Amino acid sequence: MPTIWHHGGGIDLLLSTNPIAIAVPSGDKPIVLLDIATTVAVYGKVKLAAQKGESIPDTWMIDRGGQPITDPQKSSEGSLLPIGGYKGYGLAVMIGLLAGALNNAAVGKGTIDFNAHHDLITNTGQTIIAVDPSAFGDKELFTARVIALVDDLKASSKLPGVN
């Protein structure tokens, strides 16, 4: 997992970006997919900005004193911030426990930042939960409901200035 971050109160580097990916089938239509980190930005964007010589938004990272980091070259001096404050922090903790502790993989202080230590074994873990829609009822009805929501989302009115 990319760079380890902390929440607004602690400064020890204990959690990773703990991504969450959810895929929902929709028959012969494209799947509905969410693949996010529990941090405001993924570390790959910080690395890309550093390669391009660009700055990063002051809402992505903070240093060990709690001050924003905008120079991606200084990313090793701080950590990424969680999405949604304590909610993102809570999600990162729970995903870390499911993917790390549950699988006897690295978690907490045992997590290795593979961006800083390319030569070490990271012992990262994953948890995959698969749900069979037919276990809850008619699979075709489920698929039709998924397609209806996707169609409604696509047809939704937009805010001024939004494509």
C-alpha atoms as a PDB file:
ATOM      1  CA  MET A   1       0.000   0.000   0.000  1.00  0.00           C
ATOM      2  CA  PRO A   2       1.203   3.537  -0.647  1.00  0.00           C
ATOM      3  CA  THR A   3       2.281   6.083   1.931  1.00  0.00           C
ATOM      4  CA  ILE A   4       1.094   5.639   5.466  1.00  0.00           C
ATOM      5  CA  TRP A   5      -0.936   8.466   6.986  1.00  0.00           C
ATOM      6  CA  HIS A   6      -2.431   9.480  10.303  1.00  0.00           C
ATOM      7  CA  HIS A   7      -5.628  11.202  11.363  1.00  0.00           C
ATOM      8  CA  GLY A   8      -5.813  14.795  12.570  1.00  0.00           C
ATOM      9  CA  GLY A   9      -4.936  14.001  16.190  1.00  0.00           C
ATOM     10  CA  GLY A  10      -2.085  11.492  16.034  1.00  0.00           C
ATOM     11  CA  ILE A  11       1.286  11.824  14.361  1.00  0.00           C
ATOM     12  CA  ASP A  12       2.472   8.206  14.403  1.00  0.00           C
ATOM     13  CA  LEU A  13       2.438   6.658  10.947  1.00  0.00           C
ATOM     14  CA  LEU A  14       0.164   3.660  11.522  1.00  0.00           C
ATOM     15  CA  LEU A  15      -2.271   3.302   8.626  1.00  0.00           C
ATOM     16  CA  SER A  16      -1.971   2.965   4.877  1.00  0.00           C
ATOM     17  CA  THR A  17      -4.292   4.319   2.181  1.00  0.00           C
ATOM     18  CA  ASN A  18      -6.376   1.128   2.626  1.00  0.00           C
ATOM     19  CA  PRO A  19      -8.194   1.139  -0.710  1.00  0.00           C
ATOM     20  CA  ILE A  20     -11.777  -0.002  -1.076  1.00  0.00           C
ATOM     21  CA  ALA A  21     -12.997  -1.516  -4.342  1.00  0.00           C
ATOM     22  CA  ILE A  22     -16.622  -2.514  -4.919  1.00  0.00           C
ATOM     23  CA  ALA A  23     -17.931  -3.923  -8.202  1.00  0.00           C
ATOM     24  CA  VAL A  24     -21.624  -4.517  -8.877  1.00  0.00           C
ATOM     25  CA  PRO A  25     -22.727  -6.546 -11.919  1.00  0.00           C
ATOM     26  CA  SER A  26     -25.372  -5.096 -14.212  1.00  0.00           C
ATOM     27  CA  GLY A  27     -26.171  -7.862 -16.657  1.00  0.00           C
ATOM     28  CA  ASP A  28     -24.792  -7.194 -20.117  1.00  0.00           C
ATOM     29  CA  LYS A  29     -24.128  -3.528 -19.239  1.00  0.00           C
ATOM     30  CA  PRO A  30     -20.740  -2.372 -17.883  1.00  0.00           C
ATOM     31  CA  ILE A  31     -20.228  -3.161 -14.214  1.00  0.00           C
ATOM     32  CA  VAL A  32     -20.660  -0.396 -11.641  1.00  0.00           C
ATOM     33  CA  LEU A  33     -17.223   0.019 -10.064  1.00  0.00           C
ATOM     34  CA  LEU A  34     -15.851   2.083  -7.187  1.00  0.00           C
ATOM     35  CA  ASP A  35     -12.108   1.919  -6.488  1.00  0.00           C
ATOM     36  CA  ILE A  36     -10.947   4.494  -3.941  1.00  0.00           C
ATOM     37  CA  ALA A  37      -8.343   5.058  -1.279  1.00  0.00           C
ATOM     38  CA  THR A  38      -9.381   6.134   2.205  1.00  0.00           C
ATOM     39  CA  THR A  39      -7.081   9.133   1.792  1.00  0.00           C
ATOM     40  CA  VAL A  40      -7.890  12.471   0.125  1.00  0.00           C
ATOM     41  CA  ALA A  41      -5.543  11.576  -2.738  1.00  0.00           C
ATOM     42  CA  VAL A  42      -3.640   8.462  -3.729  1.00  0.00           C
ATOM     43  CA  TYR A  43       0.108   8.582  -3.243  1.00  0.00           C
ATOM     44  CA  GLY A  44       0.630   7.970  -6.960  1.00  0.00           C
ATOM     45  CA  LYS A  45      -0.705  11.495  -7.624  1.00  0.00           C
ATOM     46  CA  VAL A  46       1.855  12.910  -5.184  1.00  0.00           C
ATOM     47  CA  LYS A  47       4.649  10.995  -6.950  1.00  0.00           C
ATOM     48  CA  LEU A  48       3.412  12.184 -10.357  1.00  0.00           C
ATOM     49  CA  ALA A  49       3.371  15.824  -9.200  1.00  0.00           C
ATOM     50  CA  ALA A  50       6.925  15.402  -7.905  1.00  0.00           C
ATOM     51  CA  GLN A  51       8.044  13.985 -11.271  1.00  0.00           C
ATOM     52  CA  LYS A  52       6.410  16.895 -13.119  1.00  0.00           C
ATOM     53  CA  GLY A  53       7.806  19.515 -10.732  1.00  0.00           C
ATOM     54  CA  GLU A  54       4.278  20.607  -9.765  1.00  0.00           C
ATOM     55  CA  SER A  55       2.852  21.420  -6.352  1.00  0.00           C
ATOM     56  CA  ILE A  56       0.037  19.503  -4.673  1.00  0.00           C
ATOM     57  CA  PRO A  57      -3.098  20.966  -3.066  1.00  0.00           C
ATOM     58  CA  ASP A  58      -2.674  21.985   0.575  1.00  0.00           C
ATOM     59  CA  THR A  59      -5.519  19.629   1.527  1.00  0.00           C
ATOM     60  CA  TRP A  60      -3.703  16.400   0.597  1.00  0.00           C
ATOM     61  CA  MET A  61      -0.831  16.108   3.083  1.00  0.00           C
ATOM     62  CA  ILE A  62       0.385  17.500   6.383  1.00  0.00           C
ATOM     63  CA  ASP A  63       3.768  17.440   8.060  1.00  0.00           C
ATOM     64  CA  ARG A  64       4.450  16.100  11.567  1.00  0.00           C
ATOM     65  CA  GLY A  65       3.539  19.540  12.948  1.00  0.00           C
ATOM     66  CA  GLY A  66       0.131  19.511  11.272  1.00  0.00           C
ATOM     67  CA  GLN A  67       1.054  22.066   8.600  1.00  0.00           C
ATOM     68  CA  PRO A  68       0.053  21.522   4.953  1.00  0.00           C
ATOM     69  CA  ILE A  69       2.627  20.121   2.551  1.00  0.00           C
ATOM     70  CA  THR A  70       2.381  21.493  -0.990  1.00  0.00           C
ATOM     71  CA  ASP A  71       5.823  20.426  -2.226  1.00  0.00           C
ATOM     72  CA  PRO A  72       5.537  16.753  -3.211  1.00  0.00           C
ATOM     73  CA  GLN A  73       9.326  16.413  -2.867  1.00  0.00           C
ATOM     74  CA  LYS A  74       8.733  16.740   0.910  1.00  0.00           C
ATOM     75  CA  SER A  75       6.111  13.967   1.067  1.00  0.00           C
ATOM     76  CA  SER A  76       8.385  11.766   3.186  1.00  0.00           C
ATOM     77  CA  GLU A  77       8.200  14.445   5.904  1.00  0.00           C
ATOM     78  CA  GLY A  78       4.463  13.973   6.387  1.00  0.00           C
ATOM     79  CA  SER A  79       1.434  11.931   5.568  1.00  0.00           C
ATOM     80  CA  LEU A  80      -1.698  11.844   3.457  1.00  0.00           C
ATOM     81  CA  LEU A  81      -4.932  12.979   5.088  1.00  0.00           C
ATOM     82  CA  PRO A  82      -7.996  10.716   5.361  1.00  0.00           C
ATOM     83  CA  ILE A  83     -11.163  11.336   3.389  1.00  0.00           C
ATOM     84  CA  GLY A  84     -13.995  12.768   5.427  1.00  0.00           C
ATOM     85  CA  GLY A  85     -12.044  13.359   8.630  1.00  0.00           C
ATOM     86  CA  TYR A  86     -12.911  10.844  11.334  1.00  0.00           C
ATOM     87  CA  LYS A  87     -15.162   8.862   8.962  1.00  0.00           C
ATOM     88  CA  GLY A  88     -12.292   8.249   6.555  1.00  0.00           C
ATOM     89  CA  TYR A  89     -10.012   7.485   9.475  1.00  0.00           C
ATOM     90  CA  GLY A  90     -12.544   4.960  10.773  1.00  0.00           C
ATOM     91  CA  LEU A  91     -12.854   3.322   7.347  1.00  0.00           C
ATOM     92  CA  ALA A  92      -9.056   3.088   7.057  1.00  0.00           C
ATOM     93  CA  VAL A  93      -8.811   1.454  10.489  1.00  0.00           C
ATOM     94  CA  MET A  94     -11.520  -1.093   9.689  1.00  0.00           C
ATOM     95  CA  ILE A  95     -10.139  -1.926   6.226  1.00  0.00           C
ATOM     96  CA  GLY A  96      -6.681  -2.224   7.787  1.00  0.00           C
ATOM     97  CA  LEU A  97      -8.040  -4.711  10.320  1.00  0.00           C
ATOM     98  CA  LEU A  98      -9.882  -6.731   7.662  1.00  0.00           C
ATOM     99  CA  ALA A  99      -7.008  -6.729   5.166  1.00  0.00           C
ATOM    100  CA  GLY A 100      -4.152  -6.857   7.680  1.00  0.00           C
ATOM    101  CA  ALA A 101      -5.006  -8.319  11.069  1.00  0.00           C
ATOM    102  CA  LEU A 102      -7.620 -10.780   9.759  1.00  0.00           C
ATOM    103  CA  ASN A 103      -5.157 -12.136   7.161  1.00  0.00           C
ATOM    104  CA  ASN A 104      -2.111 -12.208   9.428  1.00  0.00           C
ATOM    105  CA  ALA A 105      -0.589  -9.473   7.258  1.00  0.00           C
ATOM    106  CA  ALA A 106       1.080  -6.213   8.259  1.00  0.00           C
ATOM    107  CA  VAL A 107      -0.998  -3.666  10.159  1.00  0.00           C
ATOM    108  CA  GLY A 108      -0.153  -0.628  12.308  1.00  0.00           C
ATOM    109  CA  LYS A 109       3.541  -0.168  13.067  1.00  0.00           C
ATOM    110  CA  GLY A 110       4.312  -3.348  11.111  1.00  0.00           C
ATOM    111  CA  THR A 111       3.172  -1.760   7.842  1.00  0.00           C
ATOM    112  CA  ILE A 112       6.050  -1.004   5.488  1.00  0.00           C
ATOM    113  CA  ASP A 113       5.882   2.043   3.235  1.00  0.00           C
ATOM    114  CA  PHE A 114       6.888   0.459  -0.063  1.00  0.00           C
ATOM    115  CA  ASN A 115       7.381   3.896  -1.617  1.00  0.00           C
ATOM    116  CA  ALA A 116      10.202   4.549   0.829  1.00  0.00           C
ATOM    117  CA  HIS A 117      11.539   0.973   1.032  1.00  0.00           C
ATOM    118  CA  HIS A 118      11.447  -0.617  -2.422  1.00  0.00           C
ATOM    119  CA  ASP A 119      13.658  -3.506  -1.334  1.00  0.00           C
ATOM    120  CA  LEU A 120      11.600  -4.763   1.639  1.00  0.00           C
ATOM    121  CA  ILE A 121       8.800  -7.322   1.637  1.00  0.00           C
ATOM    122  CA  THR A 122       5.652  -5.399   2.563  1.00  0.00           C
ATOM    123  CA  ASN A 123       3.433  -8.294   3.737  1.00  0.00           C
ATOM    124  CA  THR A 124       0.319  -6.398   2.692  1.00  0.00           C
ATOM    125  CA  GLY A 125      -3.005  -8.173   2.905  1.00  0.00           C
ATOM    126  CA  GLN A 126      -6.272  -8.024   1.049  1.00  0.00           C
ATOM    127  CA  THR A 127      -9.807  -9.002   1.918  1.00  0.00           C
ATOM    128  CA  ILE A 128     -12.226  -9.950  -0.817  1.00  0.00           C
ATOM    129  CA  ILE A 129     -15.912 -10.293  -0.030  1.00  0.00           C
ATOM    130  CA  ALA A 130     -18.087 -11.672  -2.819  1.00  0.00           C
ATOM    131  CA  VAL A 131     -21.869 -11.495  -2.539  1.00  0.00           C
ATOM    132  CA  ASP A 132     -24.115 -13.598  -4.764  1.00  0.00           C
ATOM    133  CA  PRO A 133     -27.172 -11.435  -5.527  1.00  0.00           C
ATOM    134  CA  SER A 134     -29.299 -14.563  -6.015  1.00  0.00           C
ATOM    135  CA  ALA A 135     -28.808 -15.366  -2.304  1.00  0.00           C
ATOM    136  CA  PHE A 136     -31.039 -12.351  -1.583  1.00  0.00           C
ATOM    137  CA  GLY A 137     -33.703 -12.881  -4.219  1.00  0.00           C
ATOM    138  CA  ASP A 138     -34.259 -12.806  -7.954  1.00  0.00           C
ATOM    139  CA  LYS A 139     -30.960 -12.029  -9.739  1.00  0.00           C
ATOM    140  CA  GLU A 140     -32.675 -10.545 -12.813  1.00  0.00           C
ATOM    141  CA  LEU A 141     -34.726  -8.189 -10.613  1.00  0.00           C
ATOM    142  CA  PHE A 142     -31.507  -7.106  -8.890  1.00  0.00           C
ATOM    143  CA  THR A 143     -29.841  -6.493 -12.261  1.00  0.00           C
ATOM    144  CA  ALA A 144     -32.838  -4.474 -13.469  1.00  0.00           C
ATOM    145  CA  ARG A 145     -32.672  -2.320 -10.309  1.00  0.00           C
ATOM    146  CA  VAL A 146     -28.938  -1.722 -10.840  1.00  0.00           C
ATOM    147  CA  ILE A 147     -29.515  -0.696 -14.464  1.00  0.00           C
ATOM    148  CA  ALA A 148     -32.424   1.583 -13.437  1.00  0.00           C
ATOM    149  CA  LEU A 149     -30.227   3.394 -10.891  1.00  0.00           C
ATOM    150  CA  VAL A 150     -27.374   3.811 -13.388  1.00  0.00           C
ATOM    151  CA  ASP A 151     -29.807   5.162 -15.979  1.00  0.00           C
ATOM    152  CA  ASP A 152     -31.288   7.571 -13.395  1.00  0.00           C
ATOM    153  CA  LEU A 153     -27.794   8.760 -12.422  1.00  0.00           C
ATOM    154  CA  LYS A 154     -26.878   9.376 -16.057  1.00  0.00           C
ATOM    155  CA  ALA A 155     -30.157  11.252 -16.696  1.00  0.00           C
ATOM    156  CA  SER A 156     -29.947  13.385 -13.544  1.00  0.00           C
ATOM    157  CA  SER A 157     -30.075  17.159 -13.887  1.00  0.00           C
ATOM    158  CA  LYS A 158     -26.720  18.822 -13.414  1.00  0.00           C
ATOM    159  CA  LEU A 159     -25.563  21.799 -11.431  1.00  0.00           C
ATOM    160  CA  PRO A 160     -24.795  24.965 -13.425  1.00  0.00           C
ATOM    161  CA  GLY A 161     -21.369  24.705 -15.038  1.00  0.00           C
ATOM    162  CA  VAL A 162     -21.081  20.921 -14.606  1.00  0.00           C
ATOM    163  CA  ASN A 163     -20.646  18.733 -17.703  1.00  0.00           C
END
